[in-house]
Structures are given as C-alpha cells and as structure tokens.
Amino acid sequence: MKKDDCIFCKIANGEIPSKTVYEDEYFRVILDLGPATKGHALLIPKEHADNLYELPEELAAKVLPVAKKVAAGMRQKLQCDGLNLVQNNGETAGQTVMHFHLHMIPRYENDGQQIEWVPGKPSQEELEAIKKQLTE
C-alpha cells in the first residue's frame, strides 16, 4: 500500500519522474541523484514499508533476486569491479528516507569510496553471551 506523503512511494509508483533502470510490478530501481559512484542505484518497493522490520515477508523474499538481476546488468554494462549492497534501518543507522530501499553501489578500482567500519574486539565470553541472547 502506498503512503501519500512518502517521496519514495511517489517515485516508485511513477508519480515523480526518475531515471529508472529496472521496473516490475513490485519494484522500481532508479539512479541515485547523489551517487557514490557511477551507476549507484536505489531498489525501491512500490509498496510502502518504513524499513526492513516492516517489510512484508513476501516482498522481502523478492528483493535479492531483483538486486541480483540489476547487479548482473551493472557488471556487464558498466564494467564495475565489485558492488556494495547497503540497506540502512533507522536514523541511527543512516536512513534518511523512511521507506525501505536498497542502495546498489557499483565499485571501481580506486573510486575513492569507503564503506567500512572499525572492527570490535569482543571476548569469547561476550560473543557467547550475545549468541545466547539471540538464540533464547
């Protein structure tokens, strides 16, 4: 279901023009207007969900196959050396538009972009405690 005040709902459903590189009945994939690299695209569901937590199971199951299809086209047509899939949930995680979307960022050798984090150093006990929390 579309949300009337959501910019990504309007884009995904064709109410606002975009540079669409793929579309089917569930998704629209558009070029990002502030790309990290050449070909940076956003995979946007036509149905509104604020984030991954709210994305219906049936729709979630369709995201990766579409991403794979678009990624194959990026590799073939743009000759990228790699690809990052980035999906943020909540403001703390960097989500700025509250409509689930998946960034598809083609990577090129020496493209100047960095998508990384500082690795932590948890003890075996900490890891065991987290494992227990998540599996109980």
Protein backbone atom coordinates (compact mmCIF):
# COMPACT_ATOMS: atom_id res chain seq x y z
CA MET A 1 0.00 0.00 0.00
CA LYS A 2 1.26 3.44 -0.95
CA LYS A 3 1.72 6.21 1.64
CA ASP A 4 0.54 9.61 0.33
CA ASP A 5 3.26 11.77 1.93
CA CYS A 6 6.18 9.47 1.03
CA ILE A 7 8.54 10.70 -1.71
CA PHE A 8 9.78 7.17 -2.46
CA CYS A 9 6.20 5.89 -2.83
CA LYS A 10 5.62 8.64 -5.40
CA ILE A 11 8.85 7.84 -7.24
CA ALA A 12 8.34 4.06 -7.12
CA ASN A 13 4.79 4.39 -8.44
CA GLY A 14 5.76 6.75 -11.27
CA GLU A 15 4.16 9.94 -9.91
CA ILE A 16 7.56 11.69 -9.81
CA PRO A 17 9.90 11.21 -12.78
CA SER A 18 13.12 9.28 -12.19
CA LYS A 19 15.94 7.71 -14.15
CA THR A 20 14.52 4.18 -13.98
CA VAL A 21 16.87 1.33 -14.87
CA TYR A 22 14.51 -1.54 -13.93
CA GLU A 23 10.84 -1.92 -13.09
CA ASP A 24 8.44 -4.76 -12.41
CA GLU A 25 5.12 -5.00 -10.59
CA TYR A 26 6.78 -4.83 -7.15
CA PHE A 27 9.86 -2.61 -7.55
CA ARG A 28 11.42 0.30 -9.35
CA VAL A 29 15.21 0.70 -9.49
CA ILE A 30 16.33 4.29 -10.07
CA LEU A 31 19.64 6.07 -10.40
CA ASP A 32 20.57 7.90 -7.18
CA LEU A 33 20.66 11.70 -7.62
CA GLY A 34 23.66 11.92 -5.25
CA PRO A 35 25.63 8.87 -6.38
CA ALA A 36 28.61 7.45 -4.51
CA THR A 37 29.86 6.05 -7.84
CA LYS A 38 28.79 5.84 -11.50
CA GLY A 39 25.62 3.76 -11.67
CA HIS A 40 24.66 3.99 -7.95
CA ALA A 41 21.02 2.94 -7.90
CA LEU A 42 18.21 2.54 -5.37
CA LEU A 43 15.95 -0.51 -5.38
CA ILE A 44 12.60 0.76 -4.08
CA PRO A 45 9.48 -1.33 -3.42
CA LYS A 46 6.23 0.12 -4.76
CA GLU A 47 4.53 -0.94 -1.52
CA HIS A 48 5.39 1.25 1.48
CA ALA A 49 7.31 -0.15 4.42
CA ASP A 50 9.33 2.22 6.62
CA ASN A 51 12.24 -0.23 6.94
CA LEU A 52 13.31 -3.88 6.88
CA TYR A 53 11.44 -4.60 10.11
CA GLU A 54 8.14 -3.62 8.48
CA LEU A 55 8.77 -5.13 5.03
CA PRO A 56 6.28 -7.96 4.39
CA GLU A 57 7.93 -11.42 4.16
CA GLU A 58 6.69 -11.99 0.58
CA LEU A 59 8.18 -8.70 -0.59
CA ALA A 60 11.42 -9.22 1.33
CA ALA A 61 11.86 -12.54 -0.47
CA LYS A 62 11.75 -10.73 -3.84
CA VAL A 63 14.39 -8.06 -3.03
CA LEU A 64 17.56 -10.11 -3.52
CA PRO A 65 16.56 -11.74 -6.83
CA VAL A 66 15.87 -8.26 -8.28
CA ALA A 67 19.15 -6.94 -6.86
CA LYS A 68 20.99 -9.87 -8.43
CA LYS A 69 19.42 -9.21 -11.85
CA VAL A 70 20.28 -5.49 -11.74
CA ALA A 71 23.78 -6.21 -10.39
CA ALA A 72 24.48 -8.54 -13.32
CA GLY A 73 23.50 -5.75 -15.70
CA MET A 74 25.74 -3.29 -13.87
CA ARG A 75 28.71 -5.62 -14.09
CA GLN A 76 28.14 -6.29 -17.79
CA LYS A 77 27.26 -2.75 -18.94
CA LEU A 78 29.32 -0.59 -16.56
CA GLN A 79 32.27 -2.98 -16.19
CA CYS A 80 32.38 -2.35 -12.42
CA ASP A 81 34.95 -4.28 -10.40
CA GLY A 82 32.62 -5.00 -7.48
CA LEU A 83 29.33 -3.98 -5.88
CA ASN A 84 28.15 -2.91 -2.44
CA LEU A 85 24.59 -3.50 -1.29
CA VAL A 86 23.77 -1.08 1.54
CA GLN A 87 20.49 -1.05 3.41
CA ASN A 88 20.02 1.26 6.42
CA ASN A 89 17.27 0.96 9.03
CA GLY A 90 16.54 3.89 11.32
CA GLU A 91 18.17 7.29 11.66
CA THR A 92 20.96 5.93 13.87
CA ALA A 93 21.93 3.58 11.04
CA GLY A 94 21.93 6.40 8.48
CA GLN A 95 18.44 6.01 6.99
CA THR A 96 17.29 9.42 5.71
CA VAL A 97 14.14 8.43 3.76
CA MET A 98 11.76 6.31 5.83
CA HIS A 99 10.79 3.95 3.01
CA PHE A 100 12.72 0.67 2.69
CA HIS A 101 15.30 0.89 -0.08
CA LEU A 102 18.48 -0.91 -1.05
CA HIS A 103 21.49 1.03 -2.32
CA MET A 104 23.25 -0.74 -5.17
CA ILE A 105 26.69 0.84 -5.47
CA PRO A 106 28.94 -0.31 -8.30
CA ARG A 107 32.59 -0.23 -7.23
CA TYR A 108 35.56 0.63 -9.38
CA GLU A 109 39.22 0.24 -8.52
CA ASN A 110 40.45 3.50 -6.92
CA ASP A 111 36.94 5.06 -6.91
CA GLY A 112 37.73 6.87 -3.64
CA GLN A 113 34.73 5.49 -1.75
CA GLN A 114 34.96 3.74 1.59
CA ILE A 115 32.20 1.61 3.02
CA GLU A 116 33.68 0.17 6.16
CA TRP A 117 33.61 0.06 9.95
CA VAL A 118 36.08 -0.24 12.77
CA PRO A 119 36.13 -3.91 13.85
CA GLY A 120 35.48 -4.51 17.54
CA LYS A 121 37.40 -6.97 19.71
CA PRO A 122 34.83 -8.89 21.77
CA SER A 123 35.98 -11.66 24.09
CA GLN A 124 34.74 -15.23 23.61
CA GLU A 125 32.56 -14.68 26.70
CA GLU A 126 30.94 -11.58 25.17
CA LEU A 127 30.29 -13.45 21.93
CA GLU A 128 28.79 -16.36 23.85
CA ALA A 129 26.53 -14.00 25.84
CA ILE A 130 25.28 -12.32 22.63
CA LYS A 131 24.73 -15.70 20.98
CA LYS A 132 22.70 -16.79 23.99
CA GLN A 133 20.64 -13.57 23.91
CA LEU A 134 19.84 -14.04 20.23
CA THR A 135 19.04 -17.74 20.35
CA GLU A 136 16.92 -17.99 23.52
